Amino acid sequence: MLARHLTTRLRAALEDTPVVLIHGARQVGKTTLASAIGGPERQTYSLDRTPILEAARSDPDGFVDGLPKSVFLDEVQRAPGLFQAIKHAVDRDRTPGRFLLSGSTNVMALPRLSESLAGRMEVCSLWPLSQAEIEGRAGRFVDGVFAPEFLSGAKVGGPPGDGPDVIDRVLRGGFPEAVRRHAPDRRIAWFESYMDTILFRDVRDLSNIVKINEMPRLLRLMSARTSGLLNFADMANGLGMSQTTLKRYFALLEALFLVRTIPAWSSNLSSRLTKSPKVHILDSGLAASLLGIDRDRLESDSTTRGALVESFVVMDILRLASTSDLRPRVHHFRTSNGKEVD
């Protein structure tokens, strides 16, 4: 198991917070990490198992009342009623670290669920593996660029290692299973299976979508436009759907952590700066798979290569920022005439 940079923060949260939630996209390593830090006394209940899911949905309060003192509830978003039941349990007993949860849906985007545990729960985001995690490095780049030495001209980090080049890294991405598979065809097979699970189970769990087959088209379009400005009108025209429907589908992809918007930076002092966010696919390897892109195509297509490399770098910075002691906010900077800095 590769060491995850989130481990230290998670252990600290379990020492003083009754409920700790690890959330992030499916297959980023939430269950593995929770099992590693939970300890032998913490019992695991996976809501991917039908009997446990049915019990949690049919009687949330009874299910929670019957749990041992220290538990890990995996894929807790599949039984939303558990959040209110956990609130009741915590109000009776605020023992730190009592509930460790994981979820593949952003419950903070669902007001009723997030509000039920306000002040009782710490949320920790787990991303696909960063390049530093893959290589076993500390990953202090973000902290380093804010250090006084850097502002005085010092370099941050060491020289590049002898690992894969940038194109190989982009095509590999950061999902642990994709990183483990070295053969490109086996990696592509995993990405295809991953998308089937997301689209035909997780999306249905989250929302009653009639035209479920539109979701792969939207994801492919988002992959083709990754690192670009978010323009719903243009995307709606390209897909032949209404903006209302498109925004609903896009919100689902955000809730499943498959896409991420980066807000534009503005000091509110200049009208020459764009205010549109940029959108990035969570993982460059997933985006390349959705587009059917291999190494030869990426080497010959500078436009696609530029977009995927930008998303690869931005998402790696976001991963490092999420475990930084400084907790920085990430923005993009772009003027109205197209000059930009990410």
Foldseek 3Di string as FASTA:
>chain_A
DFDALCLVVVVVQLQQFQEEEEEAFPQQCPVVSCVVPQDPVAEEDECVDPVSVVVCQVDVLVSVVPDDQAYEYEQVVLRLVVLLSVLVVCVVPGNRRRYYYYHLFQCVVVVVSCVSCVPRYDYAYGAFDFPCRVVVHNLCQVVVCPDPVVVVPDDPDDDDDPDDDLLQCLQQWGRVVSVVDPDSVVSLVVLVVSVCCCQVPVLVSVDPDPPSVLLLVLLLVCLQQAQHFDDLVVVCVVSVHDSVVVVVSVVSCVRSNQKDWAFADDPVPDPQWDGTTGMHGRISSSSCSSNVHDSVNLVVDVVSVVRSSVNSVVNSVVSSLSSHPVNDGGHWTATNVGDTDD
